[in-house]
């Protein structure tokens, strides 16, 4: 069965966003209200996930460059499906495995999910760049982002509906979606642009050679060292914000008292508004700007980073729900634009033969940032307040502005 690479990539983007939004729109209610995790435990869950990524990323990225990007992506989809579905049945597993706590089971599922992420990280973008060429990649990433936001909108509705029935259902259904996506990719994902590396004396030797080549490429190109720095601090900042913004709304700001709107529905409304605004803005940027031009991409990321710092601080000190909502929506739009711009910038500066390996190393840098920054930000939240954690996360983004400024001067 044949389907062109761009269509497969956009469908994959749509379905992964659908699955992720189904799980993560209301996950805070499941973790905080149903399972009773505190801020430190929430950050520890994220830290275990990122440690798994940090450990496995280099190995799985090398597999994609040495053997097959397609195979790596498919393996990752099935591992993610297993990990997420396992979180969806944690209440039942607790009864079957009495020696391990609910928290321990969630941590174990995070390890499986982390391994799955590493098989996909770098391999999916390396695959699509090789299939369509670098000159079109900015446009394709923007298109894929539009499909992702459409998946978000559908996933939000599904998440709220499932969470209303039972808090664990979003994770279970999201995990099954990933398993189904793995089957779809087996049938329709073809690999025609990838040229495997020459075989060495052994599999281990081949993988070491590929990893060494990727590391050499990063060391020899100052722009890649700058990107590595960006991913490190982005990871450190994102872990604190991503894990704690819902807790900030629940514990420190609160929701308007409207009888017809439950807490799951509020999270759904926020996510839907952010996705709708993101869809509109991404569509405008895709038509008005040359997103395949590296200087345009750099200027955009510089401006978006500054706006994100301001919006995160505004959210942290929100005096009311309406103020917090505006800040959240601005952050959502910024993230929708930043993701395809960053992917474009990164892929324009990597050679094909080690693309998946270098992308995985960037993933390791992000995971290192999250592993180091997450617990520190979580400790601040436990010791002082969640507001303080969010401010700390915003401050961690500040060095990135310097990097983008330096990159622009180099251009």
Protein backbone atom coordinates (compact mmCIF):
# COMPACT_ATOMS: atom_id res chain seq x y z
CA UNK A 1 0.00 0.00 0.00
CA UNK A 2 1.39 3.41 -0.99
CA UNK A 3 0.95 6.80 0.69
CA UNK A 4 3.33 9.72 0.15
CA UNK A 5 5.67 10.64 2.99
CA UNK A 6 4.18 14.09 3.67
CA UNK A 7 0.71 12.62 4.14
CA UNK A 8 2.02 9.87 6.45
CA UNK A 9 3.92 12.46 8.53
CA UNK A 10 0.92 14.77 8.87
CA UNK A 11 -1.38 11.86 9.81
CA UNK A 12 1.19 10.74 12.39
CA UNK A 13 1.32 14.29 13.75
CA UNK A 14 -2.48 14.43 13.96
CA UNK A 15 -2.82 11.05 15.70
CA UNK A 16 0.01 11.57 18.20
CA UNK A 17 -1.48 14.95 19.14
CA UNK A 18 -4.91 13.37 19.44
CA UNK A 19 -3.55 10.68 21.77
CA UNK A 20 -1.42 13.10 23.81
CA UNK A 21 -4.20 15.64 24.27
CA UNK A 22 -6.64 12.90 25.22
CA UNK A 23 -4.27 11.88 28.01
CA UNK A 24 -2.74 15.15 29.14
CA UNK A 25 -5.66 17.60 29.08
CA UNK A 26 -7.04 16.18 32.32
CA UNK A 27 -4.01 14.23 33.59
CA UNK A 28 -3.53 16.67 36.47
CA UNK A 29 -6.92 15.70 37.87
CA UNK A 30 -5.92 12.03 37.70
CA UNK A 31 -2.50 12.61 39.29
CA UNK A 32 -3.45 15.26 41.85
CA UNK A 33 -7.07 14.52 42.78
CA UNK A 34 -7.40 10.76 42.18
CA UNK A 35 -3.88 9.50 42.94
CA UNK A 36 -3.03 12.30 45.42
CA UNK A 37 0.48 13.21 44.20
CA UNK A 38 2.10 16.37 45.65
CA UNK A 39 4.22 18.93 43.67
CA UNK A 40 7.49 17.13 44.43
CA UNK A 41 6.05 13.77 43.32
CA UNK A 42 4.73 15.37 40.12
CA UNK A 43 8.22 16.67 39.31
CA UNK A 44 9.79 13.33 40.27
CA UNK A 45 7.53 11.54 37.79
CA UNK A 46 8.78 13.89 35.09
CA UNK A 47 12.37 13.43 36.24
CA UNK A 48 12.15 9.62 35.95
CA UNK A 49 10.78 10.02 32.42
CA UNK A 50 13.61 12.36 31.46
CA UNK A 51 16.25 10.15 33.10
CA UNK A 52 14.99 7.28 30.96
CA UNK A 53 15.30 9.51 27.90
CA UNK A 54 18.79 10.57 28.98
CA UNK A 55 19.95 6.96 29.37
CA UNK A 56 18.39 5.49 26.22
CA UNK A 57 18.41 8.43 23.77
CA UNK A 58 21.95 8.01 22.49
CA UNK A 59 21.50 4.28 21.86
CA UNK A 60 18.16 4.54 20.06
CA UNK A 61 19.23 7.53 17.95
CA UNK A 62 22.22 5.56 16.71
CA UNK A 63 19.92 2.63 15.85
CA UNK A 64 17.88 4.94 13.59
CA UNK A 65 20.98 6.18 11.72
CA UNK A 66 22.62 2.76 11.51
CA UNK A 67 19.69 0.51 10.60
CA UNK A 68 16.33 2.16 9.89
CA UNK A 69 14.44 5.32 10.88
CA UNK A 70 11.13 3.63 10.02
CA UNK A 71 11.80 0.65 12.24
CA UNK A 72 12.86 2.89 15.12
CA UNK A 73 9.67 4.99 14.92
CA UNK A 74 7.39 1.94 14.84
CA UNK A 75 9.10 0.34 17.87
CA UNK A 76 8.70 3.62 19.73
CA UNK A 77 4.98 3.82 19.00
CA UNK A 78 4.34 0.37 20.48
CA UNK A 79 6.44 1.09 23.59
CA UNK A 80 4.58 4.37 24.18
CA UNK A 81 1.27 2.57 23.77
CA UNK A 82 2.24 0.01 26.41
CA UNK A 83 3.57 2.65 28.84
CA UNK A 84 0.54 4.92 28.60
CA UNK A 85 -2.02 2.11 28.70
CA UNK A 86 -0.28 0.81 31.83
CA UNK A 87 -0.83 4.18 33.53
CA UNK A 88 -4.48 3.88 32.59
CA UNK A 89 -4.84 0.64 34.52
CA UNK A 90 -2.69 1.62 37.54
CA UNK A 91 -5.68 1.42 39.97
CA UNK A 92 -6.29 -2.17 38.89
CA UNK A 93 -2.58 -3.05 38.88
CA UNK A 94 -2.32 -1.80 42.47
CA UNK A 95 -4.69 -4.59 43.51
CA UNK A 96 -2.81 -7.22 41.47
CA UNK A 97 0.70 -6.11 42.51
CA UNK A 98 0.33 -5.21 46.23
CA UNK A 99 4.09 -5.03 46.89
CA UNK A 100 4.51 -1.98 44.60
CA UNK A 101 2.80 1.32 45.42
CA UNK A 102 0.70 3.27 42.93
CA UNK A 103 3.51 5.82 42.72
CA UNK A 104 6.02 3.06 41.96
CA UNK A 105 3.82 1.67 39.18
CA UNK A 106 3.50 5.13 37.61
CA UNK A 107 7.29 5.55 37.76
CA UNK A 108 7.81 2.17 36.06
CA UNK A 109 5.37 3.10 33.29
CA UNK A 110 7.33 6.33 32.81
CA UNK A 111 10.49 4.29 32.15
CA UNK A 112 8.70 2.34 29.40
CA UNK A 113 7.30 5.55 27.92
CA UNK A 114 10.72 7.19 28.09
CA UNK A 115 12.25 4.33 26.14
CA UNK A 116 9.48 4.69 23.56
CA UNK A 117 10.10 8.43 23.20
CA UNK A 118 13.78 7.84 22.49
CA UNK A 119 13.06 5.46 19.61
CA UNK A 120 10.90 8.15 17.96
CA UNK A 121 12.93 11.23 18.90
CA UNK A 122 15.07 12.28 15.96
CA UNK A 123 14.07 9.27 13.87
CA UNK A 124 10.71 10.68 12.70
CA UNK A 125 12.08 14.09 11.67
CA UNK A 126 15.20 12.52 10.13
CA UNK A 127 12.92 10.25 8.10
CA UNK A 128 10.71 13.03 6.72
CA UNK A 129 13.68 15.33 5.91
CA UNK A 130 15.34 12.55 3.93
CA UNK A 131 12.10 11.72 2.12
CA UNK A 132 11.18 15.27 1.01
CA UNK A 133 14.45 17.29 1.16
CA UNK A 134 15.64 20.16 3.35
CA UNK A 135 14.35 22.92 1.05
CA UNK A 136 10.71 22.10 1.87
CA UNK A 137 11.02 21.11 5.49
CA UNK A 138 9.94 24.40 7.10
CA UNK A 139 6.65 24.36 5.21
CA UNK A 140 6.03 20.70 6.07
CA UNK A 141 6.70 21.25 9.78
CA UNK A 142 4.20 24.13 9.79
CA UNK A 143 1.61 21.99 8.00
CA UNK A 144 2.17 19.14 10.44
CA UNK A 145 1.70 21.61 13.31
CA UNK A 146 -1.69 22.63 11.92
CA UNK A 147 -2.74 18.99 11.83
CA UNK A 148 -1.41 18.55 15.36
CA UNK A 149 -3.56 21.43 16.60
CA UNK A 150 -6.61 19.89 14.92
CA UNK A 151 -5.83 16.67 16.75
CA UNK A 152 -5.58 18.70 19.96
CA UNK A 153 -9.11 20.06 19.53
CA UNK A 154 -10.61 16.62 19.06
CA UNK A 155 -8.50 15.16 21.88
CA UNK A 156 -9.67 17.85 24.30
CA UNK A 157 -13.31 16.91 23.83
CA UNK A 158 -12.49 13.23 24.14
CA UNK A 159 -10.35 13.78 27.25
CA UNK A 160 -13.05 15.72 29.10
CA UNK A 161 -15.70 13.16 28.17
CA UNK A 162 -13.54 10.20 29.28
CA UNK A 163 -12.36 11.90 32.50
CA UNK A 164 -15.96 12.63 33.40
CA UNK A 165 -16.69 8.90 33.14
CA UNK A 166 -13.51 7.82 34.98
CA UNK A 167 -10.23 9.72 35.58
CA UNK A 168 -8.02 6.85 34.36
CA UNK A 169 -9.75 6.34 30.99
CA UNK A 170 -7.86 9.08 29.05
CA UNK A 171 -4.55 7.29 29.63
CA UNK A 172 -5.95 3.91 28.67
CA UNK A 173 -7.54 5.16 25.44
CA UNK A 174 -4.46 7.26 24.58
CA UNK A 175 -2.23 4.20 24.96
CA UNK A 176 -4.50 2.19 22.65
CA UNK A 177 -4.29 5.02 20.08
CA UNK A 178 -0.50 4.75 20.06
CA UNK A 179 -0.73 1.00 19.52
CA UNK A 180 -3.09 1.61 16.60
CA UNK A 181 -0.72 4.21 15.16
CA UNK A 182 2.08 1.65 15.27
CA UNK A 183 -0.03 -0.68 13.10
CA UNK A 184 -0.82 2.20 10.68
CA UNK A 185 2.90 2.97 10.24
CA UNK A 186 3.71 -0.69 9.57
CA UNK A 187 1.24 -0.56 6.67
CA UNK A 188 1.90 2.88 5.17
CA UNK A 189 5.30 4.26 6.26
CA UNK A 190 7.88 3.64 3.53
CA UNK A 191 11.60 4.42 3.66
CA UNK A 192 13.17 5.44 0.33
CA UNK A 193 15.53 8.31 1.18
CA UNK A 194 17.55 6.67 3.94
CA UNK A 195 21.00 5.27 3.08
CA UNK A 196 22.28 2.91 5.84
CA UNK A 197 25.84 3.33 6.99
CA UNK A 198 28.42 0.82 5.79
CA UNK A 199 28.50 -2.24 7.97
CA UNK A 200 31.41 -2.65 10.40
CA UNK A 201 32.75 -5.73 12.08
CA UNK A 202 29.90 -5.93 14.58
CA UNK A 203 26.61 -4.25 15.48
CA UNK A 204 28.17 -2.61 18.54
CA UNK A 205 31.07 -1.30 16.48
CA UNK A 206 28.69 0.16 13.90
CA UNK A 207 26.67 1.96 16.58
CA UNK A 208 29.82 3.35 18.24
CA UNK A 209 31.03 4.62 14.88
CA UNK A 210 27.70 6.35 14.17
CA UNK A 211 27.58 7.95 17.63
CA UNK A 212 31.18 9.18 17.28
CA UNK A 213 30.36 10.71 13.89
CA UNK A 214 27.38 12.56 15.38
CA UNK A 215 29.42 13.89 18.29
CA UNK A 216 32.14 15.05 15.88
CA UNK A 217 29.59 16.94 13.79
CA UNK A 218 28.27 18.78 16.86
CA UNK A 219 31.77 19.69 18.11
CA UNK A 220 32.86 20.94 14.68
CA UNK A 221 29.89 23.27 14.11
CA UNK A 222 29.48 26.24 16.50
CA UNK A 223 25.82 26.64 15.51
CA UNK A 224 25.06 23.11 16.74
CA UNK A 225 26.80 23.88 20.04
CA UNK A 226 24.50 26.90 20.39
CA UNK A 227 21.46 24.72 19.64
CA UNK A 228 22.66 22.22 22.25
CA UNK A 229 22.76 25.05 24.81
CA UNK A 230 19.22 26.13 23.83
CA UNK A 231 17.81 22.62 24.29
CA UNK A 232 19.48 22.29 27.71
CA UNK A 233 17.86 25.42 29.14
CA UNK A 234 14.57 24.85 27.32
CA UNK A 235 14.34 21.45 29.01
CA UNK A 236 15.16 22.88 32.44
CA UNK A 237 12.45 25.53 32.10
CA UNK A 238 9.76 23.38 30.48
CA UNK A 239 9.73 20.62 33.10
CA UNK A 240 8.77 23.01 35.90
CA UNK A 241 6.08 24.79 33.91
CA UNK A 242 4.58 21.71 32.24
CA UNK A 243 4.22 19.82 35.52
CA UNK A 244 2.98 22.66 37.71
CA UNK A 245 0.74 25.04 35.75
CA UNK A 246 -2.37 22.93 36.42
CA UNK A 247 -1.48 22.64 40.11
CA UNK A 248 -1.11 26.45 40.21
CA UNK A 249 -4.61 26.85 38.80
CA UNK A 250 -6.12 24.30 41.18
CA UNK A 251 -4.33 25.24 44.41
CA UNK A 252 -3.47 28.93 44.18
CA UNK A 253 -5.82 30.62 41.69
CA UNK A 254 -9.02 28.58 41.54
CA UNK A 255 -11.79 28.47 38.96
CA UNK A 256 -14.90 30.66 38.59
CA UNK A 257 -17.86 29.18 40.43
CA UNK A 258 -20.12 28.21 37.56
CA UNK A 259 -22.32 25.22 38.35
CA UNK A 260 -22.50 24.04 34.74
CA UNK A 261 -18.70 23.84 34.27
CA UNK A 262 -16.74 21.16 36.12
CA UNK A 263 -12.97 21.18 36.68
CA UNK A 264 -12.28 18.75 33.78
CA UNK A 265 -14.37 21.00 31.54
CA UNK A 266 -12.33 24.06 32.54
CA UNK A 267 -9.10 22.33 31.54
CA UNK A 268 -10.77 21.31 28.28
CA UNK A 269 -11.90 24.89 27.58
CA UNK A 270 -8.41 26.27 28.22
CA UNK A 271 -6.78 23.69 25.98
CA UNK A 272 -9.38 24.19 23.23
CA UNK A 273 -8.95 27.98 23.21
CA UNK A 274 -5.15 27.63 23.10
CA UNK A 275 -5.36 25.16 20.20
CA UNK A 276 -7.83 27.33 18.25
CA UNK A 277 -5.67 30.42 18.65
CA UNK A 278 -2.57 28.42 17.79
CA UNK A 279 -4.24 27.05 14.66
CA UNK A 280 -5.13 30.56 13.49
CA UNK A 281 -1.69 32.05 14.21
CA UNK A 282 0.23 29.12 12.67
CA UNK A 283 -1.90 29.41 9.53
CA UNK A 284 -1.14 33.15 9.26
CA UNK A 285 2.60 32.67 9.82
CA UNK A 286 2.72 29.81 7.31
CA UNK A 287 1.23 32.07 4.60
CA UNK A 288 2.97 35.37 5.43
CA UNK A 289 6.53 34.32 6.33
CA UNK A 290 9.21 32.29 4.57
CA UNK A 291 9.62 29.62 7.23
CA UNK A 292 12.30 27.88 5.14
CA UNK A 293 14.60 30.92 5.63
CA UNK A 294 16.97 30.44 8.58
CA UNK A 295 17.19 34.15 9.48
CA UNK A 296 13.39 34.46 9.60
CA UNK A 297 13.30 31.39 11.85
CA UNK A 298 15.94 32.82 14.21
CA UNK A 299 14.26 36.22 14.53
CA UNK A 300 10.96 34.46 15.24
CA UNK A 301 12.43 32.28 17.98
CA UNK A 302 14.19 35.25 19.61
CA UNK A 303 10.94 37.21 19.82
CA UNK A 304 8.89 34.22 20.95
CA UNK A 305 11.33 33.37 23.76
CA UNK A 306 11.13 36.91 25.15
CA UNK A 307 7.34 36.85 25.02
CA UNK A 308 7.25 33.44 26.72
CA UNK A 309 9.37 34.63 29.64
CA UNK A 310 7.03 37.59 30.15
CA UNK A 311 3.91 35.42 29.86
CA UNK A 312 5.19 32.81 32.37
CA UNK A 313 5.96 35.50 34.94
CA UNK A 314 2.54 37.07 34.34
CA UNK A 315 0.91 33.67 34.89
CA UNK A 316 2.88 33.09 38.08
CA UNK A 317 1.67 36.38 39.58
CA UNK A 318 -1.87 36.25 38.19
CA UNK A 319 -4.23 37.97 40.63
CA UNK A 320 -7.32 36.39 39.06
CA UNK A 321 -8.48 33.57 36.83
CA UNK A 322 -9.05 35.87 33.84
CA UNK A 323 -5.46 37.20 34.07
CA UNK A 324 -4.14 33.61 34.30
CA UNK A 325 -6.25 32.56 31.33
CA UNK A 326 -4.82 35.28 29.07
CA UNK A 327 -1.26 34.35 30.08
CA UNK A 328 -1.92 30.64 29.49
CA UNK A 329 -3.37 31.28 26.04
CA UNK A 330 -0.38 33.43 25.09
CA UNK A 331 2.01 30.70 26.23
CA UNK A 332 0.02 28.13 24.23
CA UNK A 333 0.24 30.18 21.02
CA UNK A 334 3.98 30.76 21.56
CA UNK A 335 4.59 27.03 21.99
CA UNK A 336 2.57 26.24 18.85
CA UNK A 337 4.82 28.54 16.81
CA UNK A 338 8.13 27.72 18.50
CA UNK A 339 8.03 23.98 17.89
CA UNK A 340 8.08 23.95 14.04
CA UNK A 341 10.50 26.90 13.93
CA UNK A 342 12.96 25.12 16.22
CA UNK A 343 12.68 21.87 14.24
CA UNK A 344 13.37 23.77 11.02
CA UNK A 345 16.41 25.59 12.46
CA UNK A 346 17.84 22.36 13.80
CA UNK A 347 17.38 20.27 10.64
CA UNK A 348 18.81 22.97 8.37
CA UNK A 349 22.12 22.57 10.23
CA UNK A 350 22.54 18.77 10.30
CA UNK A 351 23.89 16.47 7.59
CA UNK A 352 21.74 13.51 6.61
CA UNK A 353 24.10 10.66 7.52
CA UNK A 354 24.02 11.46 11.25
CA UNK A 355 20.72 13.39 11.45
CA UNK A 356 18.88 10.98 13.78
CA UNK A 357 21.96 10.63 16.01
CA UNK A 358 22.45 14.40 16.34
CA UNK A 359 18.73 14.92 16.94
CA UNK A 360 18.86 12.28 19.67
CA UNK A 361 21.83 14.04 21.25
CA UNK A 362 19.75 17.22 21.26
CA UNK A 363 17.02 15.18 22.93
CA UNK A 364 19.54 14.05 25.54
CA UNK A 365 20.47 17.68 26.18
CA UNK A 366 16.79 18.53 26.69
CA UNK A 367 16.37 15.53 28.98
CA UNK A 368 19.47 16.54 30.97
CA UNK A 369 17.99 20.00 31.42
CA UNK A 370 14.69 18.57 32.59
CA UNK A 371 16.38 16.06 34.88
CA UNK A 372 18.54 18.74 36.51
CA UNK A 373 16.01 21.57 36.46
CA UNK A 374 12.83 19.66 37.28
CA UNK A 375 13.65 18.56 40.85
CA UNK A 376 15.13 21.98 41.66
CA UNK A 377 12.00 23.76 40.45
CA UNK A 378 9.85 21.20 42.27
CA UNK A 379 11.78 21.73 45.51
CA UNK A 380 11.18 25.48 45.24
CA UNK A 381 7.45 24.77 44.88
CA UNK A 382 7.41 22.53 47.96
CA UNK A 383 9.64 24.82 50.05
CA UNK A 384 8.07 28.16 49.08
CA UNK A 385 5.16 28.14 46.60
CA UNK A 386 4.17 27.01 43.13
CA UNK A 387 4.32 30.68 42.06
CA UNK A 388 8.01 30.70 42.98
CA UNK A 389 8.57 27.54 40.92
CA UNK A 390 6.98 29.11 37.85
CA UNK A 391 9.12 32.24 38.19
CA UNK A 392 12.23 30.04 38.46
CA UNK A 393 11.19 28.21 35.28
CA UNK A 394 10.82 31.55 33.45
CA UNK A 395 14.26 32.71 34.61
CA UNK A 396 15.80 29.53 33.20
CA UNK A 397 14.72 30.66 29.72
CA UNK A 398 16.64 33.94 29.93
CA UNK A 399 20.04 32.59 28.72
CA UNK A 400 18.37 31.40 25.51
CA UNK A 401 17.77 35.03 24.45
CA UNK A 402 21.54 35.58 24.52
CA UNK A 403 22.09 32.47 22.38
CA UNK A 404 19.56 33.54 19.75
CA UNK A 405 21.08 37.03 19.67
CA UNK A 406 24.52 35.54 19.12
CA UNK A 407 23.20 33.20 16.41
CA UNK A 408 21.63 36.17 14.60
CA UNK A 409 24.93 38.06 14.68
CA UNK A 410 26.72 35.00 13.25
CA UNK A 411 24.20 34.94 10.41
